[in-house]
Protein backbone atom coordinates (compact mmCIF):
# COMPACT_ATOMS: atom_id res chain seq x y z
CA MET A 1 84.63 95.22 74.29
CA ASN A 2 82.53 98.33 73.10
CA LYS A 3 81.46 97.53 69.49
CA ASN A 4 81.31 101.22 68.50
CA TYR A 5 84.90 101.71 69.79
CA LYS A 6 86.03 98.68 67.84
CA LYS A 7 84.43 99.88 64.61
CA ALA A 8 85.77 103.40 65.12
CA SER A 9 89.21 102.17 65.75
CA LEU A 10 89.16 99.99 62.57
CA LEU A 11 87.81 102.88 60.45
CA LEU A 12 90.46 105.29 61.75
CA PHE A 13 93.28 102.81 61.18
CA VAL A 14 92.16 101.85 57.67
CA THR A 15 91.79 105.62 56.83
CA LEU A 16 95.23 106.43 58.16
CA MET A 17 96.81 103.43 56.37
CA PHE A 18 95.23 104.48 53.06
CA PHE A 19 96.93 107.84 53.23
CA SER A 20 100.17 106.33 54.53
CA ILE A 21 100.35 103.78 51.68
CA ASN A 22 99.78 106.33 48.89
CA GLY A 23 103.04 108.13 49.66
CA ASN A 24 102.97 110.37 46.66
CA ALA A 25 99.54 111.83 47.67
CA GLN A 26 100.62 112.73 51.25
CA LEU A 27 100.33 116.31 52.29
CA ASP A 28 101.61 118.00 55.45
CA LEU A 29 98.31 119.04 56.89
CA PRO A 30 97.23 120.02 60.48
CA ARG A 31 96.20 117.09 62.69
CA GLY A 32 93.35 116.92 65.09
CA SER A 33 95.61 115.57 67.79
CA GLN A 34 98.66 117.78 67.53
CA LYS A 35 102.14 116.35 67.95
CA ALA A 36 104.05 117.36 71.04
CA LYS A 37 107.40 116.62 72.76
CA VAL A 38 108.46 117.21 76.33
CA LEU A 39 112.08 117.00 77.57
CA GLN A 40 113.63 116.79 81.06
CA ARG A 41 117.29 116.57 81.91
CA ILE A 42 118.35 114.88 85.17
CA GLY A 43 122.06 115.27 85.80
CA ILE A 44 123.35 114.73 82.23
CA THR A 45 120.62 112.15 81.30
CA ASP A 46 117.93 113.44 78.86
CA ILE A 47 114.44 111.95 79.06
CA SER A 48 111.91 112.83 76.37
CA VAL A 49 108.29 111.87 75.54
CA SER A 50 107.01 112.33 71.97
CA TYR A 51 103.18 112.01 71.63
CA SER A 52 100.02 113.28 70.08
CA ARG A 53 97.53 115.33 72.12
CA PRO A 54 93.82 114.38 71.78
CA ALA A 55 91.27 116.78 73.31
CA VAL A 56 88.35 115.73 75.57
CA ASN A 57 85.80 117.55 73.43
CA ASP A 58 82.99 116.83 75.94
CA ARG A 59 83.54 113.08 75.54
CA GLU A 60 83.55 110.52 78.30
CA VAL A 61 87.21 109.54 78.37
CA TRP A 62 87.90 106.86 81.00
CA GLY A 63 86.12 103.55 80.46
CA LYS A 64 84.63 104.83 77.14
CA LEU A 65 87.04 106.61 74.75
CA VAL A 66 89.86 104.78 76.64
CA PRO A 67 88.39 101.45 77.68
CA TYR A 68 89.52 99.83 80.93
CA GLY A 69 91.84 96.85 80.75
CA MET A 70 93.23 95.16 77.65
CA ASN A 71 91.12 95.22 74.54
CA ASN A 72 90.89 93.73 71.04
CA LEU A 73 91.09 96.80 68.82
CA GLY A 74 89.75 94.98 65.77
CA PHE A 75 92.84 95.42 63.64
CA GLY A 76 96.44 94.34 63.57
CA THR A 77 98.05 91.26 64.99
CA ALA A 78 97.45 91.92 68.67
CA GLU A 79 94.72 89.83 70.34
CA GLU A 80 94.69 92.23 73.30
CA SER A 81 96.14 95.65 73.44
CA PRO A 82 96.76 98.33 76.05
CA TRP A 83 96.12 101.99 75.40
CA ARG A 84 98.84 103.74 73.31
CA ALA A 85 98.93 106.57 75.96
CA GLY A 86 98.16 109.30 73.43
CA ALA A 87 96.78 109.44 69.93
CA ASN A 88 97.90 108.45 66.40
CA GLU A 89 101.40 106.79 66.32
CA ASN A 90 103.14 105.21 69.21
CA THR A 91 103.87 107.41 72.22
CA ILE A 92 107.64 107.16 72.44
CA ILE A 93 109.71 107.66 75.63
CA LYS A 94 113.49 107.92 75.33
CA PHE A 95 116.30 107.72 77.94
CA THR A 96 119.85 108.47 77.05
CA ASP A 97 121.12 106.54 80.04
CA ASP A 98 119.99 103.63 82.13
CA VAL A 99 117.30 104.69 84.65
CA LYS A 100 115.01 103.24 87.26
CA ILE A 101 111.16 103.47 86.88
CA GLU A 102 109.28 103.08 90.13
CA GLY A 103 112.45 101.44 91.50
CA GLN A 104 112.80 98.95 88.60
CA PRO A 105 115.81 99.10 86.21
CA LEU A 106 115.35 100.05 82.55
CA SER A 107 118.17 100.25 80.04
CA ALA A 108 118.85 103.41 77.95
CA GLY A 109 116.97 103.58 74.65
CA ARG A 110 113.61 104.29 72.99
CA TYR A 111 110.40 102.56 74.07
CA GLY A 112 106.81 102.52 72.96
CA LEU A 113 104.86 103.81 75.94
CA HIS A 114 101.54 102.07 76.61
CA MET A 115 99.15 102.01 79.58
CA ILE A 116 96.40 99.72 80.94
CA ILE A 117 93.84 101.79 82.76
CA HIS A 118 92.02 99.94 85.56
CA GLU A 119 88.79 100.83 87.20
CA ASP A 120 90.22 101.02 90.79
CA ASN A 121 92.31 104.16 90.33
CA LYS A 122 95.34 102.17 89.25
CA ALA A 123 97.17 101.88 86.00
CA THR A 124 99.94 99.71 84.50
CA VAL A 125 102.58 101.57 82.56
CA ILE A 126 104.30 99.53 79.90
CA PHE A 127 107.64 100.18 78.17
CA SER A 128 107.74 98.23 74.98
CA LYS A 129 110.90 97.56 72.96
CA ASN A 130 108.84 98.00 69.82
CA TYR A 131 108.55 101.77 69.43
CA GLU A 132 108.00 101.84 65.63
CA ALA A 133 104.66 100.10 65.28
CA TRP A 134 101.51 102.19 64.81
CA GLY A 135 99.76 102.73 68.12
CA SER A 136 99.19 99.38 69.91
CA TYR A 137 97.53 97.49 67.10
CA PHE A 138 100.55 95.23 66.83
CA TYR A 139 101.36 95.10 70.63
CA GLU A 140 103.12 91.91 71.76
CA PRO A 141 103.64 91.25 75.50
CA ASN A 142 106.94 89.51 74.87
CA GLU A 143 108.37 92.82 73.66
CA ASP A 144 107.75 94.42 77.04
CA ALA A 145 111.01 95.68 78.52
CA LEU A 146 109.20 96.69 81.78
CA ARG A 147 105.78 96.96 83.42
CA VAL A 148 105.06 98.93 86.56
CA ASP A 149 101.82 99.44 88.49
CA VAL A 150 101.01 102.92 89.72
CA ASP A 151 98.21 104.72 91.50
CA THR A 152 96.32 107.37 89.55
CA ARG A 153 95.41 110.72 90.92
CA GLU A 154 92.39 112.99 90.40
CA ILE A 155 93.36 116.42 89.10
CA PRO A 156 91.57 119.54 87.78
CA HIS A 157 90.34 119.27 84.22
CA VAL A 158 92.99 119.11 81.47
CA GLU A 159 91.40 119.42 78.05
CA GLN A 160 94.31 118.33 75.87
CA LEU A 161 96.37 115.32 76.90
CA THR A 162 99.59 116.54 78.42
CA TYR A 163 102.82 114.94 79.62
CA LEU A 164 104.72 116.67 82.41
CA PHE A 165 107.82 116.39 84.52
CA THR A 166 107.29 117.52 88.07
CA GLU A 167 108.94 116.98 91.48
CA VAL A 168 112.24 117.32 89.74
CA SER A 169 115.35 116.77 92.03
CA ALA A 170 119.04 116.22 91.45
CA ASN A 171 118.49 112.52 90.85
CA SER A 172 114.85 112.01 89.92
CA ALA A 173 111.60 113.39 88.46
CA MET A 174 108.03 112.43 88.32
CA ALA A 175 106.72 111.94 84.81
CA SER A 176 102.97 111.99 84.40
CA LEU A 177 100.22 111.75 81.78
CA ASN A 178 97.49 114.26 82.52
CA TRP A 179 94.15 114.17 80.76
CA GLU A 180 90.52 115.01 81.68
CA LYS A 181 90.61 114.65 85.49
CA LYS A 182 93.11 111.88 85.76
CA GLN A 183 96.82 111.89 86.30
CA ILE A 184 99.03 108.81 85.70
CA PRO A 185 102.46 109.42 87.35
CA PHE A 186 105.56 107.27 87.38
CA LYS A 187 108.81 108.12 89.06
CA ILE A 188 112.09 108.17 87.11
CA GLU A 189 115.44 107.88 89.02
CA VAL A 190 118.89 108.30 87.59
CA ASP A 191 122.28 107.28 89.12
CA VAL A 192 123.63 110.70 88.28
CA SER A 193 127.05 110.39 89.94
CA GLU A 194 127.88 107.06 88.33
CA ILE A 195 126.74 108.28 84.92
CA VAL A 196 128.67 111.52 85.12
CA LEU A 197 131.86 109.76 86.36
CA ALA A 198 131.57 107.20 83.55
CA ASP A 199 131.27 110.12 81.07
CA ILE A 200 134.26 111.89 82.68
CA ARG A 201 136.43 108.74 82.26
CA HIS A 202 135.45 108.56 78.63
CA LYS A 203 136.07 112.28 77.94
CA LEU A 204 139.45 112.25 79.67
CA GLN A 205 140.58 109.85 76.97
CA ASN A 206 139.51 112.16 74.24
CA SER A 207 139.96 115.89 73.27
CA PRO A 208 138.50 117.29 76.44
CA GLY A 209 141.24 115.43 78.37
CA PHE A 210 143.92 117.69 76.88
CA SER A 211 142.95 120.59 79.18
CA ARG A 212 144.18 121.00 82.69
CA GLN A 213 140.86 122.49 83.80
CA THR A 214 139.05 119.35 82.64
CA TRP A 215 141.06 117.14 84.98
CA GLU A 216 140.51 119.65 87.81
CA GLN A 217 136.80 119.52 87.24
CA ALA A 218 136.86 115.72 87.17
CA ALA A 219 138.66 115.47 90.43
CA ASN A 220 136.46 118.05 92.14
CA TYR A 221 133.25 116.37 91.00
CA SER A 222 134.46 112.90 92.17
CA LEU A 223 135.50 114.43 95.51
CA ASN A 224 132.04 116.02 96.10
CA ASN A 225 129.83 113.22 94.71
CA GLY A 226 130.98 109.97 96.23
CA GLY A 227 133.64 109.03 93.69
CA ASP A 228 136.70 106.96 94.15
CA LEU A 229 139.09 109.21 96.14
CA ASP A 230 142.18 107.40 94.82
CA GLU A 231 140.95 108.00 91.27
CA ALA A 232 140.28 111.60 92.07
CA LEU A 233 143.73 112.03 93.50
CA GLY A 234 145.25 110.52 90.40
CA TRP A 235 143.23 113.06 88.29
CA ILE A 236 144.36 116.08 90.32
CA ASP A 237 147.97 114.85 90.36
CA ALA A 238 147.92 114.81 86.62
CA THR A 239 147.34 118.54 86.63
CA ILE A 240 150.10 119.22 89.20
CA SER A 241 152.91 116.94 88.09
CA GLY A 242 151.61 115.02 85.10
CA MET A 243 153.21 114.51 81.69
CA PHE A 244 151.09 117.21 79.92
CA PHE A 245 150.41 119.96 82.51
CA SER A 246 152.72 120.10 85.54
CA GLN A 247 151.34 123.47 86.74
CA LYS A 248 150.70 124.19 90.36
CA THR A 249 147.73 126.56 91.01
CA PHE A 250 145.67 127.43 94.01
CA ASN A 251 142.74 125.59 92.51
CA ASN A 252 144.46 122.21 91.88
CA LEU A 253 146.44 122.29 95.11
CA SER A 254 143.38 123.13 97.21
CA ILE A 255 141.37 120.28 95.53
CA LYS A 256 144.21 117.92 96.36
CA ALA A 257 144.24 119.15 99.95
CA ARG A 258 140.56 118.44 100.33
CA ILE A 259 140.91 115.00 98.79
CA LEU A 260 143.69 114.22 101.26
CA THR A 261 141.56 115.54 104.13
CA LYS A 262 138.73 113.21 103.14
CA GLN A 263 141.19 110.39 103.15
CA GLY A 264 142.19 111.24 106.68
CA LYS A 265 145.64 112.47 105.72
CA THR A 266 145.37 115.76 107.50
CA SER A 267 149.03 116.56 107.92
CA GLU A 268 149.65 116.10 104.15
CA ALA A 269 146.54 118.13 103.44
CA ASP A 270 147.70 121.03 105.63
CA ALA A 271 151.06 121.18 103.95
CA ILE A 272 149.50 121.18 100.55
CA MET A 273 147.05 123.95 101.57
CA ASP A 274 149.85 126.13 102.94
CA GLU A 275 151.53 125.86 99.51
CA ALA A 276 148.25 126.63 97.77
CA LEU A 277 147.74 129.83 99.81
CA GLY A 278 151.14 131.11 98.62
CA LEU A 279 149.74 130.97 95.04
CA ALA A 280 146.32 132.36 95.81
CA THR A 281 144.77 135.68 94.79
CA VAL A 282 143.19 137.92 97.41
CA PHE A 283 139.76 136.63 96.31
CA GLU A 284 140.77 132.96 96.50
CA VAL A 285 142.10 133.43 100.01
CA HIS A 286 138.86 135.26 100.93
CA ALA A 287 136.78 132.37 99.50
CA TYR A 288 138.88 129.76 101.46
CA GLY A 289 138.39 131.71 104.66
CA ARG A 290 134.69 131.58 104.21
CA GLN A 291 134.86 127.90 103.62
CA LEU A 292 136.65 127.51 106.92
CA ILE A 293 133.93 129.39 108.73
CA ALA A 294 131.30 127.32 107.06
CA ARG A 295 133.09 124.18 108.44
CA GLY A 296 133.22 125.70 111.87
CA GLU A 297 136.97 126.30 111.84
CA LYS A 298 136.71 129.90 113.11
CA GLU A 299 140.15 130.28 114.59
CA LYS A 300 141.85 128.93 111.42
CA ALA A 301 139.65 131.29 109.34
CA MET A 302 140.81 134.21 111.41
CA GLU A 303 144.40 133.35 110.71
CA VAL A 304 143.69 133.08 106.98
CA PHE A 305 141.90 136.47 106.86
CA LYS A 306 144.74 138.13 108.84
CA MET A 307 147.30 136.64 106.41
CA ASN A 308 145.22 138.04 103.49
CA ALA A 309 145.12 141.49 105.05
CA LYS A 310 148.91 141.48 105.65
CA ASN A 311 149.71 140.30 102.14
CA ASN A 312 147.23 142.46 100.33
CA LYS A 313 147.15 145.68 102.35
CA GLY A 314 144.46 148.05 101.39
CA GLN A 315 142.91 145.82 98.78
CA TRP A 316 139.36 144.82 98.42
CA PRO A 317 138.03 142.63 100.18
CA VAL A 318 140.49 142.02 103.01
CA ASP A 319 138.52 144.04 105.62
CA TYR A 320 135.32 142.32 104.59
CA GLY A 321 137.08 139.05 105.37
CA LEU A 322 138.22 140.30 108.79
CA ALA A 323 134.68 141.48 109.46
CA ARG A 324 133.34 137.91 108.74
CA ALA A 325 136.06 136.34 110.92
CA HIS A 326 135.27 138.69 113.91
CA SER A 327 131.56 138.09 113.42
CA ALA A 328 132.09 134.33 113.49
CA MET A 329 134.06 134.77 116.81
CA GLY A 330 131.16 136.83 118.21
CA ASN A 331 133.13 140.06 118.31
CA TYR A 332 130.62 142.27 116.57
CA LYS A 333 132.31 145.57 117.57
CA ASN A 334 135.44 144.74 115.60
CA ALA A 335 133.34 143.25 112.82
CA ILE A 336 131.51 146.56 112.37
CA LYS A 337 134.81 148.45 112.38
CA HIS A 338 136.23 146.38 109.52
CA LEU A 339 132.94 146.31 107.62
CA LYS A 340 132.88 150.19 107.61
CA ILE A 341 136.43 150.20 106.15
CA ALA A 342 135.26 147.63 103.48
CA ALA A 343 132.26 149.91 102.64
CA LYS A 344 134.70 152.64 101.58
CA ARG A 345 136.71 150.27 99.38
CA ALA A 346 133.76 148.39 97.83
CA PRO A 347 134.21 148.58 94.02
CA ASP A 348 130.52 148.61 93.01
CA GLN A 349 126.98 149.32 94.25
CA ILE A 350 126.18 145.65 94.56
CA ASN A 351 128.87 145.13 97.15
CA LYS A 352 128.13 148.39 98.88
CA ASP A 353 124.53 147.29 99.25
CA ALA A 354 125.59 143.88 100.63
CA ILE A 355 127.85 145.51 103.14
CA ALA A 356 125.07 147.92 104.22
CA THR A 357 122.77 144.90 104.80
CA ASN A 358 125.42 143.14 106.84
CA LEU A 359 126.08 146.35 108.93
CA THR A 360 122.43 146.37 109.81
CA LYS A 361 122.60 142.71 110.90
CA LEU A 362 125.68 143.33 113.09
CA GLU A 363 124.01 146.30 114.74
CA LYS A 364 121.07 144.04 115.58
CA GLY A 365 123.54 141.48 117.09
CA GLU A 366 123.15 139.04 114.11
CA ASP A 367 125.98 137.06 112.56
CA ILE A 368 126.83 137.92 108.92
CA ASN A 369 128.30 134.56 107.78
């Protein structure tokens, strides 16, 4: 190990410990390596990294300031230590739910984040159950919760050490340490649907469960995110004929119809949807007609838009719906006729502009759905 690094580490630690022990003499003063925290939410799971940010300051970082491999830092109980992945105290990473790191499971909680930097553009990222010790002077391998090996990347110069979350998707994000010209990335994945559904089950047993809308949201989420359809059906039935609510609305009936459709019970679903349409507003019918077009059910959409026009004569946006239906059927002449009527009834400039854009599309022979 580099003797100068060992001496500098010991001097720094002793100095810091001197000021820490003499608690009455402590002052809140600026630090050379400023504290920082970065947060990313994936689904409903929060992931945070709390760290200190050293600067390069024209120093040779990799292999010098941060030695390669495991090292004896000359203080503490650790015979060999990884890098603390920052400066000063432990770098701490926190997960509010269970996650996967590079495909490996890791339980919810706080972890001391350490890294072993290798010379071959690789690194080992360590998640230690001990997140309270100072740096890695007291690192113990038996406290590792997880180790993953990753490839490092060359990046443009970053003066102050920075953690970032990039490549964020509905179920994952790439966390990375970025310093000097090296990036150390590791992928974090979250089972969002299972975590959300578990949270839903818990909340339905507490105060949020005393709201009809909560049960509707629960059933709709489960329907659209791979949940148990029987469970979702039970949740939506609780809003329709349950002990507390027993109120039929377009929303809860239409959700039930979609659950039944997904279960293959199409005749039951059609009957429920017919009942739902009898309770719908002009806008709810319009939205349902658009859903039918999106599913490729053009003829059924035409029936729904015609029914809306019959039941809500002269109202906005029945002619807009008929224009969409005719456009979906390829009858652009009739679509233009109804769109011009809709333009006269549009309630605001935003809708007038949207109609004008769609008129231009129709005149060019383009579909507007």
